[in-house]
Protein backbone atom coordinates (compact mmCIF):
# COMPACT_ATOMS: atom_id res chain seq x y z
CA UNK A 1 0.80 6.88 6.66
CA UNK A 2 -0.80 5.21 3.64
CA UNK A 3 1.73 2.36 3.94
CA UNK A 4 0.83 1.84 7.59
CA UNK A 5 -2.90 1.79 6.78
CA UNK A 6 -2.31 -0.72 3.96
CA UNK A 7 -0.33 -2.99 6.31
CA UNK A 8 -3.08 -2.81 8.95
CA UNK A 9 -5.74 -3.70 6.38
CA UNK A 10 -3.64 -6.61 5.14
CA UNK A 11 -3.08 -7.89 8.67
CA UNK A 12 -6.78 -7.52 9.45
CA UNK A 13 -7.84 -9.38 6.32
CA UNK A 14 -5.16 -12.06 6.85
CA UNK A 15 -6.22 -12.63 10.42
CA UNK A 16 -9.75 -13.37 9.23
CA UNK A 17 -8.51 -16.63 7.73
CA UNK A 18 -7.35 -17.92 11.14
CA UNK A 19 -10.53 -17.30 13.09
CA UNK A 20 -14.24 -17.26 12.62
CA UNK A 21 -15.41 -14.09 10.91
CA UNK A 22 -18.66 -12.44 11.95
CA UNK A 23 -20.56 -9.85 9.95
CA UNK A 24 -19.21 -6.91 11.95
CA UNK A 25 -15.57 -7.88 11.46
CA UNK A 26 -16.10 -8.41 7.76
CA UNK A 27 -17.87 -5.07 7.40
CA UNK A 28 -14.96 -3.27 9.05
CA UNK A 29 -12.49 -4.94 6.68
CA UNK A 30 -14.56 -4.08 3.61
CA UNK A 31 -15.12 -0.48 4.69
CA UNK A 32 -11.40 0.00 5.27
CA UNK A 33 -10.54 -1.38 1.83
CA UNK A 34 -13.39 -0.03 -0.33
CA UNK A 35 -12.16 2.15 -3.19
CA UNK A 36 -15.66 3.51 -3.77
CA UNK A 37 -15.90 4.75 -0.19
CA UNK A 38 -12.39 6.22 -0.35
CA UNK A 39 -13.32 8.10 -3.54
CA UNK A 40 -16.52 9.41 -1.92
CA UNK A 41 -14.52 10.57 1.09
CA UNK A 42 -12.04 12.34 -1.18
CA UNK A 43 -14.92 14.08 -2.98
CA UNK A 44 -16.25 15.29 0.37
CA UNK A 45 -12.83 16.57 1.37
CA UNK A 46 -12.56 18.42 -1.94
CA UNK A 47 -15.97 20.00 -1.42
CA UNK A 48 -14.91 21.05 2.07
CA UNK A 49 -11.84 22.75 0.61
CA UNK A 50 -14.02 24.52 -1.96
CA UNK A 51 -16.30 25.68 0.85
CA UNK A 52 -13.38 27.15 2.77
CA UNK A 53 -12.06 28.77 -0.38
CA UNK A 54 -15.40 30.42 -1.15
CA UNK A 55 -15.43 32.01 2.31
CA UNK A 56 -12.19 33.79 1.47
CA UNK A 57 -14.12 36.02 -0.90
CA UNK A 58 -15.22 38.12 2.09
CA UNK A 59 -11.61 38.97 2.95
CA UNK A 60 -9.33 41.61 1.42
CA UNK A 61 -6.72 40.53 -1.12
CA UNK A 62 -3.13 41.62 -1.63
CA UNK A 63 -1.71 41.55 -5.16
CA UNK A 64 1.61 42.65 -6.58
CA UNK A 65 2.60 43.18 -10.18
CA UNK A 66 5.63 44.51 -12.02
CA UNK A 67 5.71 46.03 -15.49
CA UNK A 68 8.80 46.53 -17.62
CA UNK A 69 9.16 48.16 -20.99
CA UNK A 70 12.13 48.50 -23.33
CA UNK A 71 12.28 51.32 -25.86
CA UNK A 72 14.10 50.85 -29.18
CA UNK A 73 14.82 54.59 -29.20
CA UNK A 74 16.72 56.41 -26.52
CA UNK A 75 15.00 59.81 -26.36
CA UNK A 76 16.66 62.74 -24.61
CA UNK A 77 19.26 60.52 -22.97
CA UNK A 78 16.70 58.54 -20.99
CA UNK A 79 17.17 54.88 -20.23
CA UNK A 80 15.74 52.38 -22.66
CA UNK A 81 14.47 50.14 -19.82
CA UNK A 82 11.59 51.36 -17.72
CA UNK A 83 9.79 49.55 -14.88
CA UNK A 84 7.17 49.93 -12.20
CA UNK A 85 6.07 47.78 -9.24
CA UNK A 86 2.61 48.08 -7.78
CA UNK A 87 1.13 46.48 -4.64
CA UNK A 88 -2.63 46.67 -4.18
CA UNK A 89 -4.89 45.78 -1.27
CA UNK A 90 -8.52 45.57 -2.38
CA UNK A 91 -11.67 44.96 -0.41
CA UNK A 92 -15.12 44.44 -1.95
CA UNK A 93 -17.63 46.78 -0.34
CA UNK A 94 -20.71 45.70 -2.25
CA UNK A 95 -20.91 43.09 -4.98
CA UNK A 96 -24.64 42.49 -5.22
CA UNK A 97 -24.33 39.42 -3.00
CA UNK A 98 -22.24 37.35 -5.43
CA UNK A 99 -19.64 36.40 -2.79
CA UNK A 100 -22.31 35.35 -0.31
CA UNK A 101 -24.15 33.38 -3.00
CA UNK A 102 -20.94 31.62 -4.01
CA UNK A 103 -20.18 30.76 -0.38
CA UNK A 104 -23.71 29.41 0.18
CA UNK A 105 -23.48 27.36 -3.02
CA UNK A 106 -20.20 25.89 -1.84
CA UNK A 107 -21.83 25.03 1.50
CA UNK A 108 -24.67 23.31 -0.31
CA UNK A 109 -22.26 21.41 -2.56
CA UNK A 110 -20.37 20.21 0.50
CA UNK A 111 -23.64 18.97 2.04
CA UNK A 112 -24.40 17.12 -1.20
CA UNK A 113 -21.02 15.39 -1.17
CA UNK A 114 -21.33 14.50 2.51
CA UNK A 115 -24.77 12.96 1.91
CA UNK A 116 -23.49 11.08 -1.12
CA UNK A 117 -20.62 9.73 0.95
CA UNK A 118 -23.12 8.40 3.49
CA UNK A 119 -25.13 6.84 0.66
CA UNK A 120 -21.99 5.19 -0.69
CA UNK A 121 -21.26 3.82 2.77
CA UNK A 122 -24.73 2.25 2.93
CA UNK A 123 -24.24 0.73 -0.53
CA UNK A 124 -20.85 -0.71 0.42
CA UNK A 125 -22.31 -2.13 3.63
CA UNK A 126 -25.12 -3.80 1.71
CA UNK A 127 -22.66 -5.19 -0.83
CA UNK A 128 -20.52 -6.60 1.99
CA UNK A 129 -23.48 -8.16 3.81
CA UNK A 130 -24.73 -9.67 0.56
CA UNK A 131 -21.27 -11.19 -0.06
CA UNK A 132 -21.20 -12.59 3.49
CA UNK A 133 -24.61 -14.21 3.19
CA UNK A 134 -23.80 -15.46 -0.32
CA UNK A 135 -20.79 -17.32 1.05
CA UNK A 136 -22.92 -18.64 3.91
CA UNK A 137 -25.50 -19.90 1.43
CA UNK A 138 -22.77 -21.50 -0.68
CA UNK A 139 -21.31 -23.24 2.39
CA UNK A 140 -24.70 -24.61 3.40
CA UNK A 141 -25.54 -25.68 -0.13
CA UNK A 142 -22.19 -27.47 -0.46
CA UNK A 143 -22.84 -29.36 2.78
CA UNK A 144 -26.34 -30.20 1.58
CA UNK A 145 -24.97 -31.64 -1.67
CA UNK A 146 -22.37 -33.61 0.26
CA UNK A 147 -25.14 -34.96 2.50
CA UNK A 148 -27.25 -35.81 -0.54
CA UNK A 149 -24.32 -37.58 -2.16
CA UNK A 150 -23.72 -39.59 1.01
CA UNK A 151 -27.39 -40.54 1.17
CA UNK A 152 -27.39 -41.76 -2.42
CA UNK A 153 -24.05 -43.54 -1.92
CA UNK A 154 -25.41 -45.32 1.14
CA UNK A 155 -28.46 -46.39 -0.83
CA UNK A 156 -26.21 -47.60 -3.67
CA UNK A 157 -24.29 -49.81 -1.23
CA UNK A 158 -27.51 -51.37 0.02
CA UNK A 159 -28.86 -51.94 -3.49
CA UNK A 160 -25.51 -53.33 -4.65
CA UNK A 161 -25.46 -55.84 -1.80
CA UNK A 162 -29.02 -56.91 -2.44
CA UNK A 163 -28.28 -57.20 -6.16
CA UNK A 164 -25.28 -59.40 -5.46
CA UNK A 165 -27.49 -61.56 -3.23
CA UNK A 166 -30.11 -61.82 -5.96
CA UNK A 167 -32.86 -59.88 -4.16
CA UNK A 168 -32.84 -56.78 -6.37
CA UNK A 169 -33.04 -56.52 -10.17
CA UNK A 170 -30.25 -54.81 -12.07
CA UNK A 171 -32.60 -52.02 -13.12
CA UNK A 172 -32.74 -50.84 -9.49
CA UNK A 173 -28.97 -50.77 -9.33
CA UNK A 174 -28.73 -48.86 -12.61
CA UNK A 175 -31.24 -46.26 -11.39
CA UNK A 176 -29.30 -45.71 -8.19
CA UNK A 177 -26.00 -45.53 -10.08
CA UNK A 178 -27.54 -42.88 -12.34
CA UNK A 179 -28.76 -40.96 -9.31
CA UNK A 180 -25.29 -41.16 -7.74
CA UNK A 181 -23.75 -39.73 -10.89
CA UNK A 182 -26.24 -36.85 -10.73
CA UNK A 183 -25.37 -36.30 -7.06
CA UNK A 184 -21.67 -36.10 -7.94
CA UNK A 185 -22.49 -33.52 -10.61
CA UNK A 186 -24.52 -31.42 -8.16
CA UNK A 187 -21.71 -31.58 -5.61
CA UNK A 188 -19.16 -30.43 -8.19
CA UNK A 189 -21.43 -27.55 -9.18
CA UNK A 190 -21.87 -26.61 -5.51
CA UNK A 191 -18.08 -26.54 -5.07
CA UNK A 192 -17.78 -24.14 -7.98
CA UNK A 193 -20.49 -21.86 -6.57
CA UNK A 194 -18.74 -21.85 -3.21
CA UNK A 195 -15.41 -20.88 -4.79
CA UNK A 196 -17.03 -18.05 -6.75
CA UNK A 197 -18.71 -16.73 -3.57
CA UNK A 198 -15.39 -17.05 -1.71
CA UNK A 199 -13.56 -15.06 -4.39
CA UNK A 200 -16.10 -12.24 -4.20
CA UNK A 201 -15.96 -12.32 -0.40
CA UNK A 202 -12.19 -11.94 -0.36
CA UNK A 203 -11.89 -9.37 -3.14
CA UNK A 204 -14.22 -6.97 -1.34
CA UNK A 205 -11.87 -6.78 1.66
CA UNK A 206 -8.64 -6.82 -0.35
CA UNK A 207 -7.58 -10.36 0.51
CA UNK A 208 -6.29 -13.13 -1.75
CA UNK A 209 -9.21 -14.56 -3.75
CA UNK A 210 -8.45 -18.17 -2.77
CA UNK A 211 -7.97 -17.49 0.97
CA UNK A 212 -10.35 -19.74 2.90
CA UNK A 213 -12.47 -18.42 5.77
CA UNK A 214 -14.82 -19.75 8.38
CA UNK A 215 -18.02 -17.80 8.96
CA UNK A 216 -19.22 -17.23 12.52
CA UNK A 217 -22.79 -16.48 11.42
CA UNK A 218 -25.12 -18.35 9.13
CA UNK A 219 -28.30 -17.58 7.27
CA UNK A 220 -29.88 -20.50 9.14
CA UNK A 221 -29.34 -19.14 12.67
CA UNK A 222 -29.60 -15.36 12.32
CA UNK A 223 -33.36 -15.09 12.04
CA UNK A 224 -34.84 -11.88 13.39
CA UNK A 225 -37.44 -9.41 12.24
CA UNK A 226 -36.23 -5.80 12.29
CA UNK A 227 -38.43 -3.03 13.64
CA UNK A 228 -40.29 -1.17 10.94
CA UNK A 229 -39.00 2.37 10.72
CA UNK A 230 -41.32 5.38 10.76
CA UNK A 231 -41.37 6.83 7.27
CA UNK A 232 -40.88 10.41 8.44
CA UNK A 233 -37.73 9.36 10.27
CA UNK A 234 -36.50 7.50 7.19
CA UNK A 235 -36.95 10.54 4.98
CA UNK A 236 -35.38 12.90 7.52
CA UNK A 237 -32.10 10.93 7.67
CA UNK A 238 -31.88 9.32 4.23
CA UNK A 239 -28.80 10.45 2.25
CA UNK A 240 -30.71 10.73 -1.02
CA UNK A 241 -33.27 13.06 0.52
CA UNK A 242 -30.64 15.18 2.27
CA UNK A 243 -28.64 15.38 -0.96
CA UNK A 244 -31.73 16.48 -2.91
CA UNK A 245 -32.45 19.18 -0.33
CA UNK A 246 -28.89 20.45 -0.67
CA UNK A 247 -29.20 20.38 -4.47
CA UNK A 248 -32.35 22.49 -4.15
CA UNK A 249 -30.52 24.91 -1.85
CA UNK A 250 -27.66 25.09 -4.33
CA UNK A 251 -30.10 25.95 -7.13
CA UNK A 252 -31.82 28.58 -4.96
CA UNK A 253 -28.54 30.37 -4.35
CA UNK A 254 -27.78 29.96 -8.04
CA UNK A 255 -30.68 32.29 -8.75
CA UNK A 256 -29.21 34.79 -6.30
CA UNK A 257 -25.77 34.51 -7.89
CA UNK A 258 -27.23 35.11 -11.34
CA UNK A 259 -29.10 38.18 -10.10
CA UNK A 260 -25.93 39.52 -8.46
CA UNK A 261 -24.13 39.58 -11.81
CA UNK A 262 -26.40 42.42 -12.95
CA UNK A 263 -26.24 44.55 -9.76
CA UNK A 264 -23.79 47.39 -9.06
CA UNK A 265 -20.46 46.61 -7.41
CA UNK A 266 -18.23 48.82 -5.27
CA UNK A 267 -14.61 48.06 -4.42
CA UNK A 268 -12.15 49.88 -2.18
CA UNK A 269 -8.42 49.63 -2.89
CA UNK A 270 -5.18 50.89 -1.40
CA UNK A 271 -2.11 50.76 -3.58
CA UNK A 272 1.58 51.50 -3.38
CA UNK A 273 3.75 52.24 -6.45
CA UNK A 274 7.51 52.07 -6.79
CA UNK A 275 9.04 53.32 -10.04
CA UNK A 276 11.94 55.40 -11.42
CA UNK A 277 11.72 59.17 -11.33
CA UNK A 278 10.84 61.03 -14.47
CA UNK A 279 12.79 61.54 -16.63
CA UNK A 280 14.27 58.08 -16.28
CA UNK A 281 17.92 59.02 -16.60
CA UNK A 282 20.98 57.69 -14.88
CA UNK A 283 21.16 58.88 -11.28
CA UNK A 284 17.55 60.08 -11.22
CA UNK A 285 16.65 57.56 -8.50
CA UNK A 286 13.27 56.04 -7.71
CA UNK A 287 10.15 57.14 -5.87
CA UNK A 288 7.30 55.62 -3.86
CA UNK A 289 3.74 56.66 -4.53
CA UNK A 290 0.45 55.44 -3.15
CA UNK A 291 -3.21 56.17 -2.97
CA UNK A 292 -6.73 54.98 -2.38
CA UNK A 293 -9.14 53.90 -5.11
CA UNK A 294 -12.88 53.53 -5.01
CA UNK A 295 -14.37 51.82 -8.02
CA UNK A 296 -18.03 51.63 -8.97
CA UNK A 297 -19.48 49.47 -11.72
CA UNK A 298 -23.07 48.88 -12.76
CA UNK A 299 -24.59 47.16 -15.79
CA UNK A 300 -26.80 49.36 -17.94
CA UNK A 301 -27.99 47.41 -20.94
CA UNK A 302 -27.25 43.83 -22.03
CA UNK A 303 -30.01 43.19 -24.57
CA UNK A 304 -32.22 41.29 -22.09
CA UNK A 305 -29.44 38.97 -20.88
CA UNK A 306 -30.49 39.35 -17.25
CA UNK A 307 -34.05 38.26 -17.98
CA UNK A 308 -33.12 35.07 -19.80
CA UNK A 309 -30.33 34.26 -17.32
CA UNK A 310 -32.75 34.49 -14.40
CA UNK A 311 -35.30 32.40 -16.25
CA UNK A 312 -32.71 29.68 -16.74
CA UNK A 313 -31.62 29.78 -13.07
CA UNK A 314 -35.22 29.67 -11.81
CA UNK A 315 -35.93 26.74 -14.10
CA UNK A 316 -33.00 24.86 -12.53
CA UNK A 317 -34.41 25.73 -9.10
CA UNK A 318 -37.84 24.28 -9.97
CA UNK A 319 -36.21 21.11 -11.31
CA UNK A 320 -34.28 20.70 -8.06
CA UNK A 321 -37.45 21.24 -5.99
CA UNK A 322 -39.29 18.60 -8.02
CA UNK A 323 -36.32 16.29 -7.47
CA UNK A 324 -36.91 16.50 -3.70
CA UNK A 325 -40.52 15.41 -4.11
CA UNK A 326 -39.48 12.62 -6.46
CA UNK A 327 -37.03 11.28 -3.87
CA UNK A 328 -39.77 11.25 -1.21
CA UNK A 329 -42.08 9.26 -3.50
CA UNK A 330 -39.30 6.83 -4.39
CA UNK A 331 -38.38 6.28 -0.75
CA UNK A 332 -42.03 5.66 0.10
CA UNK A 333 -42.27 3.00 -2.59
CA UNK A 334 -38.95 1.37 -1.68
CA UNK A 335 -39.74 1.29 2.04
CA UNK A 336 -43.15 -0.29 1.43
CA UNK A 337 -41.73 -2.85 -0.99
CA UNK A 338 -38.81 -3.58 1.33
CA UNK A 339 -41.06 -4.27 4.32
CA UNK A 340 -43.39 -6.41 2.20
CA UNK A 341 -40.37 -8.38 1.03
CA UNK A 342 -39.36 -9.05 4.64
CA UNK A 343 -42.82 -10.34 5.56
CA UNK A 344 -43.08 -12.50 2.43
CA UNK A 345 -39.65 -14.08 2.77
CA UNK A 346 -40.23 -14.67 6.48
CA UNK A 347 -43.39 -16.62 5.63
CA UNK A 348 -41.44 -18.67 3.08
CA UNK A 349 -38.79 -19.45 5.68
CA UNK A 350 -41.42 -20.74 8.12
CA UNK A 351 -43.03 -22.89 5.43
CA UNK A 352 -39.67 -24.25 4.25
CA UNK A 353 -38.68 -25.22 7.79
CA UNK A 354 -41.89 -27.19 8.31
CA UNK A 355 -41.65 -28.86 4.92
CA UNK A 356 -38.01 -29.76 5.43
CA UNK A 357 -38.80 -31.67 8.62
CA UNK A 358 -41.59 -33.55 6.84
CA UNK A 359 -39.41 -34.32 3.83
CA UNK A 360 -36.63 -35.70 6.04
CA UNK A 361 -39.08 -37.91 7.88
CA UNK A 362 -40.53 -39.14 4.57
CA UNK A 363 -37.04 -39.96 3.31
CA UNK A 364 -36.18 -41.93 6.44
CA UNK A 365 -39.44 -43.89 6.25
CA UNK A 366 -39.01 -44.64 2.52
CA UNK A 367 -35.43 -45.78 3.02
CA UNK A 368 -36.38 -48.01 5.96
CA UNK A 369 -39.33 -49.45 4.03
CA UNK A 370 -37.08 -50.28 1.11
CA UNK A 371 -34.68 -52.09 3.42
CA UNK A 372 -37.61 -54.10 4.73
CA UNK A 373 -38.90 -54.85 1.25
CA UNK A 374 -42.06 -52.78 1.67
CA UNK A 375 -41.20 -50.04 -0.85
CA UNK A 376 -39.70 -49.87 -4.31
CA UNK A 377 -36.51 -48.13 -5.33
CA UNK A 378 -38.62 -45.54 -7.16
CA UNK A 379 -40.27 -44.60 -3.87
CA UNK A 380 -36.90 -44.01 -2.27
CA UNK A 381 -35.54 -42.03 -5.22
CA UNK A 382 -38.66 -39.88 -5.28
CA UNK A 383 -38.33 -39.22 -1.54
CA UNK A 384 -34.70 -38.20 -2.09
CA UNK A 385 -35.66 -35.78 -4.85
CA UNK A 386 -38.41 -34.31 -2.70
CA UNK A 387 -36.03 -33.84 0.24
CA UNK A 388 -33.40 -32.26 -1.99
CA UNK A 389 -35.85 -29.82 -3.57
CA UNK A 390 -37.29 -28.77 -0.22
CA UNK A 391 -33.78 -28.41 1.23
CA UNK A 392 -32.81 -26.13 -1.67
CA UNK A 393 -36.01 -24.12 -1.14
CA UNK A 394 -35.18 -23.74 2.56
CA UNK A 395 -31.68 -22.48 1.80
CA UNK A 396 -33.02 -20.05 -0.80
CA UNK A 397 -35.72 -18.80 1.61
CA UNK A 398 -33.22 -18.12 4.39
CA UNK A 399 -30.88 -16.38 1.97
CA UNK A 400 -33.69 -14.23 0.55
CA UNK A 401 -34.78 -13.31 4.06
CA UNK A 402 -31.26 -12.29 5.10
CA UNK A 403 -30.91 -10.14 1.96
CA UNK A 404 -34.38 -8.65 2.51
CA UNK A 405 -33.31 -7.48 5.98
CA UNK A 406 -30.06 -6.02 4.64
CA UNK A 407 -31.91 -4.28 1.80
CA UNK A 408 -34.45 -2.80 4.22
CA UNK A 409 -31.68 -1.42 6.39
CA UNK A 410 -30.13 0.21 3.35
CA UNK A 411 -33.49 1.63 2.23
CA UNK A 412 -34.16 3.08 5.68
CA UNK A 413 -30.56 4.35 6.04
CA UNK A 414 -29.79 2.27 9.13
CA UNK A 415 -26.13 1.35 9.31
CA UNK A 416 -25.59 -2.41 9.41
CA UNK A 417 -22.90 -2.08 12.07
CA UNK A 418 -25.41 -0.30 14.34
CA UNK A 419 -27.92 -3.15 14.32
């Protein structure tokens, strides 16, 4: 089964390289491959098994034991080897509530693991979305550097021709050549950033690091403002809050389990015994015996152990209760900061879009003016720098906005695939 799943994941990840990959497809591939999520799922399954095991404490148990003894002396002609087999069925009648407390603690521990698994899923989703948008940003930045290099190269050709014709001093040509060298450096750096983002993108879904992909979505065309979530709804479904509630429940039943250790216990047992007849001589045969036992046990004096044990358990319960309140405060802060981040980055995106259009127009005008002899080479180079800086700001603003949306969805416990 594991082999089949591995093959399916490999085929899924391989097929991504032959078609455009959208966010949903990439998320599915990452979720299928994630070791962190698989470990969280295994922890939940283990907690579920512990929960089922704890419930067995309510049921009777059947045990069998055999004793043998060998005597170095052989008294009165008896056999040296003696033995006895005993089968016992026991049922707890009253144990002070220890079995129930253990079962409830196991239930709470399972709820904690299940909530932690959901939290891990949200973290993995955010990591995958961040990798997707990082590759999108790297693609756009690489194209921007290629465009910038072409712009400078085109200007170099014009300046070179005018220099050859004697209309432009050599200093203009040298400045453009220097700018072209800088553009080549920026393009090389952009290629490296794109490869690093591609490696991270592929590793997260278990593909070859160098496998190339084509993204179906871009940070430039996926602009939307998510609906602000009601804080009460966020708290009610957030994995951290649910886990803290379960931790508090676990600590509450821990107090009950500690108290049960110092209460009386009553057990009912039915046993059967098979052993040789007495005296154990050759030909004496064996016999079957049986009976019913009722055992009662109660603590009397333990030098104040119960008092200090309960104090420790109640202290753990108070800590867990305070942890719930701390999670609520943290979620309130994170939700407020997350929404503020969305509004701020959205404003930066709008400003960057307007400035980018102006910068492009200024670059076109400066380049045309230089061709007509109405502007200097410094004016053109300055317009190029301004366009490049604003273009980089626009890419960064779109990327920050996409990450702000993804972070808000993680904070509010909204699954990315349900958007």
